[in-house]
Amino acid sequence: MIRKSRSLLAAALLAGSAFCGAAEAQTATPAMAPATTAYVNAPVAAPVSAPVDHSGHCGLFQTCASTRIGLGRGDFIIRLSALGVMPEDRDSKVWLNGNAIPGRIKTTRQVMPELTFEYFFTDNVSIDLIAASTRHEVAAEGTPLGKIDVGSAWVLPPTVTLAWHFRPHKRFNPYVGVGGTLAWFHNVSPAGGVVQKLNVGVTGGPSFNVGFDYQLVGNWFFNFDVKQMFMRMHAWANDRGSGAFIKAHDSLDPTVVGAGIEYRF
């Protein structure tokens, strides 16, 4: 009887333990998963591009989608520059009544506008023609008669140059060139006094240049150019048999510096 009571008591205890365990399992707080933090990138603004005119029309002072960068084959350019002409007056010789005398020729410097036409045969090779006319005053210095004002003359030196361009189809495009100059003197005026009549012969010679083009906007470019010309001037003052027949040779060899704006067609 006692054994049976103990068995019933053990069974009751086991049943209570099982019931409590089940209740605790149902009421226990579930384990929390590791917390994760989500990062959201800030929105990035898309680059704003210049509006493109899809109608095919491009303004005169606009760089459009159809605008070609730099210069190259088939381009024709008209350039307007401010031109500085600086004669070097090397190796002067003066004769008075057929006899060589001490002295040298001095020619004044001048600034004038210049018009240039240029055409590109290839991306690298172009030919250009400059048109400008400058007025210069001429004097003979250091002669036995002192300084002699000879007179003045306008010179028209058309120059043709073949140039090699190093960076075709780039905004900055340097070049070097070689060509020739043929100079005509016109509107020649004697100074008076010792010089009553003045003649200046046609002259010419080779020329070399360096420079660059830089694309500003659309088909507009800036140009800077330096030319070195080699030419001699031959002048005669008065007539033979007069009181003072003066003959002079002068290596003008002008350095010509130009800066201007050009447009591509």
C-alpha atoms as a PDB file:
ATOM      1  CA  MET A   1       0.000   0.000   0.000  1.00  0.00           C
ATOM      2  CA  ILE A   2       2.841   2.347   0.877  1.00  0.00           C
ATOM      3  CA  ARG A   3       4.699   1.468  -2.401  1.00  0.00           C
ATOM      4  CA  LYS A   4       1.575   2.233  -4.398  1.00  0.00           C
ATOM      5  CA  SER A   5       1.220   5.634  -2.753  1.00  0.00           C
ATOM      6  CA  ARG A   6       4.869   6.457  -3.471  1.00  0.00           C
ATOM      7  CA  SER A   7       4.430   5.535  -7.139  1.00  0.00           C
ATOM      8  CA  LEU A   8       1.374   7.762  -7.473  1.00  0.00           C
ATOM      9  CA  LEU A   9       3.258  10.621  -5.801  1.00  0.00           C
ATOM     10  CA  ALA A  10       6.252  10.280  -8.191  1.00  0.00           C
ATOM     11  CA  ALA A  11       3.969  10.224 -11.209  1.00  0.00           C
ATOM     12  CA  ALA A  12       2.197  13.348  -9.982  1.00  0.00           C
ATOM     13  CA  LEU A  13       5.510  15.152  -9.512  1.00  0.00           C
ATOM     14  CA  LEU A  14       6.738  14.198 -13.004  1.00  0.00           C
ATOM     15  CA  ALA A  15       3.488  15.382 -14.567  1.00  0.00           C
ATOM     16  CA  GLY A  16       3.783  18.745 -12.738  1.00  0.00           C
ATOM     17  CA  SER A  17       7.335  19.243 -13.891  1.00  0.00           C
ATOM     18  CA  ALA A  18       6.382  18.580 -17.511  1.00  0.00           C
ATOM     19  CA  PHE A  19       3.455  20.961 -17.289  1.00  0.00           C
ATOM     20  CA  CYS A  20       5.592  23.770 -15.829  1.00  0.00           C
ATOM     21  CA  GLY A  21       8.259  23.298 -18.474  1.00  0.00           C
ATOM     22  CA  ALA A  22       5.693  23.534 -21.226  1.00  0.00           C
ATOM     23  CA  ALA A  23       4.205  26.680 -19.669  1.00  0.00           C
ATOM     24  CA  GLU A  24       7.620  28.312 -19.339  1.00  0.00           C
ATOM     25  CA  ALA A  25       8.428  27.460 -22.946  1.00  0.00           C
ATOM     26  CA  GLN A  26       5.207  29.109 -24.093  1.00  0.00           C
ATOM     27  CA  THR A  27       5.668  32.307 -22.037  1.00  0.00           C
ATOM     28  CA  ALA A  28       9.454  32.769 -22.488  1.00  0.00           C
ATOM     29  CA  THR A  29      10.606  35.769 -24.638  1.00  0.00           C
ATOM     30  CA  PRO A  30      12.163  34.539 -27.855  1.00  0.00           C
ATOM     31  CA  ALA A  31      15.875  35.288 -28.371  1.00  0.00           C
ATOM     32  CA  MET A  32      16.422  38.500 -30.333  1.00  0.00           C
ATOM     33  CA  ALA A  33      18.289  38.308 -33.634  1.00  0.00           C
ATOM     34  CA  PRO A  34      21.358  40.520 -34.037  1.00  0.00           C
ATOM     35  CA  ALA A  35      20.296  43.997 -35.046  1.00  0.00           C
ATOM     36  CA  THR A  36      21.409  45.155 -38.478  1.00  0.00           C
ATOM     37  CA  THR A  37      21.597  48.785 -39.614  1.00  0.00           C
ATOM     38  CA  ALA A  38      20.623  49.626 -43.188  1.00  0.00           C
ATOM     39  CA  TYR A  39      22.598  52.511 -44.796  1.00  0.00           C
ATOM     40  CA  VAL A  40      20.949  54.491 -47.610  1.00  0.00           C
ATOM     41  CA  ASN A  41      23.255  56.463 -49.932  1.00  0.00           C
ATOM     42  CA  ALA A  42      22.387  60.095 -50.449  1.00  0.00           C
ATOM     43  CA  PRO A  43      21.055  60.832 -53.931  1.00  0.00           C
ATOM     44  CA  VAL A  44      23.740  62.032 -56.379  1.00  0.00           C
ATOM     45  CA  ALA A  45      22.814  64.866 -58.699  1.00  0.00           C
ATOM     46  CA  ALA A  46      23.207  63.951 -62.353  1.00  0.00           C
ATOM     47  CA  PRO A  47      25.561  66.252 -64.355  1.00  0.00           C
ATOM     48  CA  VAL A  48      23.724  68.938 -66.252  1.00  0.00           C
ATOM     49  CA  SER A  49      24.838  69.164 -69.871  1.00  0.00           C
ATOM     50  CA  ALA A  50      24.437  72.193 -72.072  1.00  0.00           C
ATOM     51  CA  PRO A  51      21.232  72.097 -74.085  1.00  0.00           C
ATOM     52  CA  VAL A  52      21.751  70.911 -77.635  1.00  0.00           C
ATOM     53  CA  ASP A  53      19.816  72.515 -80.428  1.00  0.00           C
ATOM     54  CA  HIS A  54      18.508  69.571 -82.426  1.00  0.00           C
ATOM     55  CA  SER A  55      16.945  71.812 -85.051  1.00  0.00           C
ATOM     56  CA  GLY A  56      20.300  72.005 -86.869  1.00  0.00           C
ATOM     57  CA  HIS A  57      20.637  75.788 -86.319  1.00  0.00           C
ATOM     58  CA  CYS A  58      23.801  77.008 -84.583  1.00  0.00           C
ATOM     59  CA  GLY A  59      24.338  80.644 -83.652  1.00  0.00           C
ATOM     60  CA  LEU A  60      27.325  82.614 -84.920  1.00  0.00           C
ATOM     61  CA  PHE A  61      28.838  82.765 -81.432  1.00  0.00           C
ATOM     62  CA  GLN A  62      27.847  79.290 -80.220  1.00  0.00           C
ATOM     63  CA  THR A  63      29.684  76.011 -79.874  1.00  0.00           C
ATOM     64  CA  CYS A  64      27.104  73.380 -80.847  1.00  0.00           C
ATOM     65  CA  ALA A  65      27.080  69.621 -81.256  1.00  0.00           C
ATOM     66  CA  SER A  66      27.812  70.108 -84.957  1.00  0.00           C
ATOM     67  CA  THR A  67      30.791  72.424 -84.360  1.00  0.00           C
ATOM     68  CA  ARG A  68      34.113  70.846 -85.326  1.00  0.00           C
ATOM     69  CA  ILE A  69      36.928  71.258 -82.823  1.00  0.00           C
ATOM     70  CA  GLY A  70      40.169  72.662 -84.201  1.00  0.00           C
ATOM     71  CA  LEU A  71      41.245  73.133 -87.808  1.00  0.00           C
ATOM     72  CA  GLY A  72      41.777  70.581 -90.553  1.00  0.00           C
ATOM     73  CA  ARG A  73      41.469  69.611 -94.177  1.00  0.00           C
ATOM     74  CA  GLY A  74      39.146  71.773 -96.281  1.00  0.00           C
ATOM     75  CA  ASP A  75      38.924  74.666 -93.794  1.00  0.00           C
ATOM     76  CA  PHE A  76      39.051  78.198 -95.225  1.00  0.00           C
ATOM     77  CA  ILE A  77      39.938  81.044 -92.864  1.00  0.00           C
ATOM     78  CA  ILE A  78      39.759  84.832 -93.038  1.00  0.00           C
ATOM     79  CA  ARG A  79      41.807  86.628 -90.386  1.00  0.00           C
ATOM     80  CA  LEU A  80      41.950  90.279 -89.318  1.00  0.00           C
ATOM     81  CA  SER A  81      45.040  91.165 -87.276  1.00  0.00           C
ATOM     82  CA  ALA A  82      46.890  94.090 -85.798  1.00  0.00           C
ATOM     83  CA  LEU A  83      50.318  94.026 -87.433  1.00  0.00           C
ATOM     84  CA  GLY A  84      53.585  95.446 -86.147  1.00  0.00           C
ATOM     85  CA  VAL A  85      56.372  95.840 -88.753  1.00  0.00           C
ATOM     86  CA  MET A  86      59.869  96.315 -87.325  1.00  0.00           C
ATOM     87  CA  PRO A  87      62.628  96.774 -89.948  1.00  0.00           C
ATOM     88  CA  GLU A  88      66.021  95.578 -88.732  1.00  0.00           C
ATOM     89  CA  ASP A  89      68.096  97.745 -91.167  1.00  0.00           C
ATOM     90  CA  ARG A  90      71.080  95.404 -91.324  1.00  0.00           C
ATOM     91  CA  ASP A  91      74.075  95.968 -93.581  1.00  0.00           C
ATOM     92  CA  SER A  92      73.358  99.482 -94.929  1.00  0.00           C
ATOM     93  CA  LYS A  93      75.507 101.066 -97.630  1.00  0.00           C
ATOM     94  CA  VAL A  94      75.354 104.652 -98.914  1.00  0.00           C
ATOM     95  CA  TRP A  95      76.953 106.262-101.989  1.00  0.00           C
ATOM     96  CA  LEU A  96      77.202 109.982-102.762  1.00  0.00           C
ATOM     97  CA  ASN A  97      77.861 110.842-106.424  1.00  0.00           C
ATOM     98  CA  GLY A  98      79.155 107.310-106.965  1.00  0.00           C
ATOM     99  CA  ASN A  99      81.526 107.266-103.991  1.00  0.00           C
ATOM    100  CA  ALA A 100      80.885 105.123-100.897  1.00  0.00           C
ATOM    101  CA  ILE A 101      80.502 107.234 -97.779  1.00  0.00           C
ATOM    102  CA  PRO A 102      80.013 106.403 -94.087  1.00  0.00           C
ATOM    103  CA  GLY A 103      76.421 106.138 -92.999  1.00  0.00           C
ATOM    104  CA  ARG A 104      73.531 103.784 -92.519  1.00  0.00           C
ATOM    105  CA  ILE A 105      69.859 103.710 -93.436  1.00  0.00           C
ATOM    106  CA  LYS A 106      67.253 103.934 -90.703  1.00  0.00           C
ATOM    107  CA  THR A 107      63.634 102.960 -91.374  1.00  0.00           C
ATOM    108  CA  THR A 108      60.798 103.678 -88.951  1.00  0.00           C
ATOM    109  CA  ARG A 109      58.536 101.014 -87.434  1.00  0.00           C
ATOM    110  CA  GLN A 110      54.814 100.891 -88.085  1.00  0.00           C
ATOM    111  CA  VAL A 111      51.550  99.322 -86.893  1.00  0.00           C
ATOM    112  CA  MET A 112      48.740  98.614 -89.356  1.00  0.00           C
ATOM    113  CA  PRO A 113      45.809  96.200 -89.870  1.00  0.00           C
ATOM    114  CA  GLU A 114      46.418  93.010 -91.840  1.00  0.00           C
ATOM    115  CA  LEU A 115      44.040  90.742 -93.750  1.00  0.00           C
ATOM    116  CA  THR A 116      44.961  87.059 -94.179  1.00  0.00           C
ATOM    117  CA  PHE A 117      43.385  84.290 -96.251  1.00  0.00           C
ATOM    118  CA  GLU A 118      44.270  80.686 -95.380  1.00  0.00           C
ATOM    119  CA  TYR A 119      43.251  77.304 -96.788  1.00  0.00           C
ATOM    120  CA  PHE A 120      44.021  73.814 -95.401  1.00  0.00           C
ATOM    121  CA  PHE A 121      45.032  71.281 -98.061  1.00  0.00           C
ATOM    122  CA  THR A 122      45.364  68.556 -95.409  1.00  0.00           C
ATOM    123  CA  ASP A 123      44.919  68.380 -91.658  1.00  0.00           C
ATOM    124  CA  ASN A 124      48.543  69.504 -91.216  1.00  0.00           C
ATOM    125  CA  VAL A 125      49.374  71.620 -94.286  1.00  0.00           C
ATOM    126  CA  SER A 126      47.909  75.026 -95.103  1.00  0.00           C
ATOM    127  CA  ILE A 127      48.748  77.940 -97.388  1.00  0.00           C
ATOM    128  CA  ASP A 128      48.100  81.563 -96.514  1.00  0.00           C
ATOM    129  CA  LEU A 129      48.351  84.965 -98.174  1.00  0.00           C
ATOM    130  CA  ILE A 130      48.686  88.180 -96.194  1.00  0.00           C
ATOM    131  CA  ALA A 131      47.619  91.578 -97.489  1.00  0.00           C
ATOM    132  CA  ALA A 132      48.787  94.725 -95.703  1.00  0.00           C
ATOM    133  CA  SER A 133      50.383  98.048 -96.551  1.00  0.00           C
ATOM    134  CA  THR A 134      52.498 100.123 -94.172  1.00  0.00           C
ATOM    135  CA  ARG A 135      54.083 103.576 -94.440  1.00  0.00           C
ATOM    136  CA  HIS A 136      57.713 104.054 -93.408  1.00  0.00           C
ATOM    137  CA  GLU A 137      60.009 107.065 -93.228  1.00  0.00           C
ATOM    138  CA  VAL A 138      63.606 106.621 -94.358  1.00  0.00           C
ATOM    139  CA  ALA A 139      66.691 108.552 -93.264  1.00  0.00           C
ATOM    140  CA  ALA A 140      70.445 108.253 -93.754  1.00  0.00           C
ATOM    141  CA  GLU A 141      72.352 108.667 -90.486  1.00  0.00           C
ATOM    142  CA  GLY A 142      76.060 109.192 -89.770  1.00  0.00           C
ATOM    143  CA  THR A 143      76.913 110.598 -93.219  1.00  0.00           C
ATOM    144  CA  PRO A 144      79.439 113.426 -93.866  1.00  0.00           C
ATOM    145  CA  LEU A 145      76.366 115.635 -94.368  1.00  0.00           C
ATOM    146  CA  GLY A 146      74.914 114.526 -91.040  1.00  0.00           C
ATOM    147  CA  LYS A 147      71.446 113.062 -90.906  1.00  0.00           C
ATOM    148  CA  ILE A 148      69.659 113.183 -94.241  1.00  0.00           C
ATOM    149  CA  ASP A 149      65.898 112.833 -94.308  1.00  0.00           C
ATOM    150  CA  VAL A 150      65.377 110.790 -97.450  1.00  0.00           C
ATOM    151  CA  GLY A 151      61.563 110.635 -97.557  1.00  0.00           C
ATOM    152  CA  SER A 152      58.728 108.198 -97.009  1.00  0.00           C
ATOM    153  CA  ALA A 153      57.137 105.305 -98.856  1.00  0.00           C
ATOM    154  CA  TRP A 154      54.279 102.847 -98.524  1.00  0.00           C
ATOM    155  CA  VAL A 155      55.197  99.192 -98.932  1.00  0.00           C
ATOM    156  CA  LEU A 156      52.838  96.417-100.061  1.00  0.00           C
ATOM    157  CA  PRO A 157      54.497  93.080 -99.219  1.00  0.00           C
ATOM    158  CA  PRO A 158      52.186  90.185-100.215  1.00  0.00           C
ATOM    159  CA  THR A 159      53.585  87.072 -98.552  1.00  0.00           C
ATOM    160  CA  VAL A 160      52.681  83.469 -99.344  1.00  0.00           C
ATOM    161  CA  THR A 161      53.442  80.894 -96.656  1.00  0.00           C
ATOM    162  CA  LEU A 162      53.157  77.115 -96.431  1.00  0.00           C
ATOM    163  CA  ALA A 163      52.635  76.065 -92.812  1.00  0.00           C
ATOM    164  CA  TRP A 164      52.775  72.773 -90.917  1.00  0.00           C
ATOM    165  CA  HIS A 165      50.242  72.512 -88.075  1.00  0.00           C
ATOM    166  CA  PHE A 166      51.214  70.161 -85.245  1.00  0.00           C
ATOM    167  CA  ARG A 167      47.839  69.513 -83.538  1.00  0.00           C
ATOM    168  CA  PRO A 168      44.994  69.324 -86.080  1.00  0.00           C
ATOM    169  CA  HIS A 169      41.466  69.161 -84.667  1.00  0.00           C
ATOM    170  CA  LYS A 170      42.654  70.508 -81.297  1.00  0.00           C
ATOM    171  CA  ARG A 171      41.701  73.828 -79.747  1.00  0.00           C
ATOM    172  CA  PHE A 172      45.377  74.836 -79.429  1.00  0.00           C
ATOM    173  CA  ASN A 173      47.263  74.273 -82.672  1.00  0.00           C
ATOM    174  CA  PRO A 174      50.850  75.619 -83.053  1.00  0.00           C
ATOM    175  CA  TYR A 175      52.535  75.783 -86.456  1.00  0.00           C
ATOM    176  CA  VAL A 176      55.711  76.714 -88.344  1.00  0.00           C
ATOM    177  CA  GLY A 177      55.919  77.937 -91.908  1.00  0.00           C
ATOM    178  CA  VAL A 178      58.161  78.975 -94.773  1.00  0.00           C
ATOM    179  CA  GLY A 179      57.362  81.194 -97.716  1.00  0.00           C
ATOM    180  CA  GLY A 180      58.333  84.202 -99.774  1.00  0.00           C
ATOM    181  CA  THR A 181      57.669  87.947 -99.913  1.00  0.00           C
ATOM    182  CA  LEU A 182      57.575  90.314-102.895  1.00  0.00           C
ATOM    183  CA  ALA A 183      57.429  93.976-101.861  1.00  0.00           C
ATOM    184  CA  TRP A 184      56.250  96.932-103.939  1.00  0.00           C
ATOM    185  CA  PHE A 185      56.836 100.512-102.804  1.00  0.00           C
ATOM    186  CA  HIS A 186      54.162 103.060-103.707  1.00  0.00           C
ATOM    187  CA  ASN A 187      53.235 106.652-102.851  1.00  0.00           C
ATOM    188  CA  VAL A 188      56.941 107.446-102.565  1.00  0.00           C
ATOM    189  CA  SER A 189      57.568 111.014-101.339  1.00  0.00           C
ATOM    190  CA  PRO A 190      60.984 112.740-101.200  1.00  0.00           C
ATOM    191  CA  ALA A 191      61.748 114.665 -98.036  1.00  0.00           C
ATOM    192  CA  GLY A 192      62.845 117.835 -99.836  1.00  0.00           C
ATOM    193  CA  GLY A 193      66.018 119.814 -99.162  1.00  0.00           C
ATOM    194  CA  VAL A 194      68.905 117.620-100.287  1.00  0.00           C
ATOM    195  CA  VAL A 195      66.498 114.980-101.625  1.00  0.00           C
ATOM    196  CA  GLN A 196      64.256 116.294-104.397  1.00  0.00           C
ATOM    197  CA  LYS A 197      63.428 113.018-106.111  1.00  0.00           C
ATOM    198  CA  LEU A 198      63.174 109.522-104.680  1.00  0.00           C
ATOM    199  CA  ASN A 199      62.811 106.095-106.278  1.00  0.00           C
ATOM    200  CA  VAL A 200      62.601 102.746-104.494  1.00  0.00           C
ATOM    201  CA  GLY A 201      62.927  99.472-106.383  1.00  0.00           C
ATOM    202  CA  VAL A 202      60.811  96.324-106.077  1.00  0.00           C
ATOM    203  CA  THR A 203      62.357  93.810-103.716  1.00  0.00           C
ATOM    204  CA  GLY A 204      61.636  90.457-102.088  1.00  0.00           C
ATOM    205  CA  GLY A 205      63.043  87.429-100.339  1.00  0.00           C
ATOM    206  CA  PRO A 206      62.272  84.362 -98.213  1.00  0.00           C
ATOM    207  CA  SER A 207      60.274  84.447 -94.994  1.00  0.00           C
ATOM    208  CA  PHE A 208      59.793  82.143 -92.021  1.00  0.00           C
ATOM    209  CA  ASN A 209      57.110  82.180 -89.360  1.00  0.00           C
ATOM    210  CA  VAL A 210      55.872  80.542 -86.165  1.00  0.00           C
ATOM    211  CA  GLY A 211      52.527  80.943 -84.461  1.00  0.00           C
ATOM    212  CA  PHE A 212      49.418  79.259 -83.130  1.00  0.00           C
ATOM    213  CA  ASP A 213      45.634  79.171 -83.512  1.00  0.00           C
ATOM    214  CA  TYR A 214      43.315  78.801 -80.522  1.00  0.00           C
ATOM    215  CA  GLN A 215      39.597  78.055 -80.860  1.00  0.00           C
ATOM    216  CA  LEU A 216      37.571  80.515 -78.774  1.00  0.00           C
ATOM    217  CA  VAL A 217      33.944  79.644 -79.480  1.00  0.00           C
ATOM    218  CA  GLY A 218      32.151  78.120 -82.438  1.00  0.00           C
ATOM    219  CA  ASN A 219      34.162  78.847 -85.598  1.00  0.00           C
ATOM    220  CA  TRP A 220      36.018  81.804 -84.080  1.00  0.00           C
ATOM    221  CA  PHE A 221      39.764  81.501 -83.411  1.00  0.00           C
ATOM    222  CA  PHE A 222      42.530  83.652 -81.951  1.00  0.00           C
ATOM    223  CA  ASN A 223      45.801  83.775 -83.866  1.00  0.00           C
ATOM    224  CA  PHE A 224      49.294  84.907 -82.916  1.00  0.00           C
ATOM    225  CA  ASP A 225      52.018  84.935 -85.563  1.00  0.00           C
ATOM    226  CA  VAL A 226      55.640  86.070 -85.886  1.00  0.00           C
ATOM    227  CA  LYS A 227      57.283  86.328 -89.313  1.00  0.00           C
ATOM    228  CA  GLN A 228      60.897  87.015 -90.137  1.00  0.00           C
ATOM    229  CA  MET A 229      61.300  88.369 -93.663  1.00  0.00           C
ATOM    230  CA  PHE A 230      64.575  88.787 -95.512  1.00  0.00           C
ATOM    231  CA  MET A 231      64.672  91.529 -98.143  1.00  0.00           C
ATOM    232  CA  ARG A 232      66.870  94.383 -99.330  1.00  0.00           C
ATOM    233  CA  MET A 233      65.718  97.886-100.206  1.00  0.00           C
ATOM    234  CA  HIS A 234      67.339  99.750-103.111  1.00  0.00           C
ATOM    235  CA  ALA A 235      66.757 103.516-103.254  1.00  0.00           C
ATOM    236  CA  TRP A 236      67.951 106.386-105.425  1.00  0.00           C
ATOM    237  CA  ALA A 237      67.658 110.043-104.478  1.00  0.00           C
ATOM    238  CA  ASN A 238      67.816 112.784-107.145  1.00  0.00           C
ATOM    239  CA  ASP A 239      69.013 112.314-110.721  1.00  0.00           C
ATOM    240  CA  ARG A 240      72.501 111.607-111.966  1.00  0.00           C
ATOM    241  CA  GLY A 241      74.348 114.834-112.752  1.00  0.00           C
ATOM    242  CA  SER A 242      72.465 116.751-110.087  1.00  0.00           C
ATOM    243  CA  GLY A 243      74.161 118.349-107.104  1.00  0.00           C
ATOM    244  CA  ALA A 244      73.851 115.248-104.886  1.00  0.00           C
ATOM    245  CA  PHE A 245      73.060 111.856-106.351  1.00  0.00           C
ATOM    246  CA  ILE A 246      72.512 109.454-103.440  1.00  0.00           C
ATOM    247  CA  LYS A 247      72.209 105.691-103.758  1.00  0.00           C
ATOM    248  CA  ALA A 248      71.531 103.362-100.852  1.00  0.00           C
ATOM    249  CA  HIS A 249      71.143  99.647-100.211  1.00  0.00           C
ATOM    250  CA  ASP A 250      69.604  98.471 -96.970  1.00  0.00           C
ATOM    251  CA  SER A 251      68.804  95.000 -95.642  1.00  0.00           C
ATOM    252  CA  LEU A 252      65.373  95.769 -94.235  1.00  0.00           C
ATOM    253  CA  ASP A 253      64.823  92.215 -92.905  1.00  0.00           C
ATOM    254  CA  PRO A 254      61.640  93.196 -91.035  1.00  0.00           C
ATOM    255  CA  THR A 255      60.275  91.229 -88.112  1.00  0.00           C
ATOM    256  CA  VAL A 256      56.484  91.163 -88.418  1.00  0.00           C
ATOM    257  CA  VAL A 257      54.325  90.411 -85.364  1.00  0.00           C
ATOM    258  CA  GLY A 258      50.570  89.948 -85.675  1.00  0.00           C
ATOM    259  CA  ALA A 259      47.679  89.107 -83.349  1.00  0.00           C
ATOM    260  CA  GLY A 260      44.060  88.873 -84.412  1.00  0.00           C
ATOM    261  CA  ILE A 261      40.720  87.132 -84.734  1.00  0.00           C
ATOM    262  CA  GLU A 262      39.865  84.665 -87.505  1.00  0.00           C
ATOM    263  CA  TYR A 263      36.721  82.925 -88.694  1.00  0.00           C
ATOM    264  CA  ARG A 264      36.474  79.478 -90.289  1.00  0.00           C
ATOM    265  CA  PHE A 265      34.152  78.902 -93.223  1.00  0.00           C
END
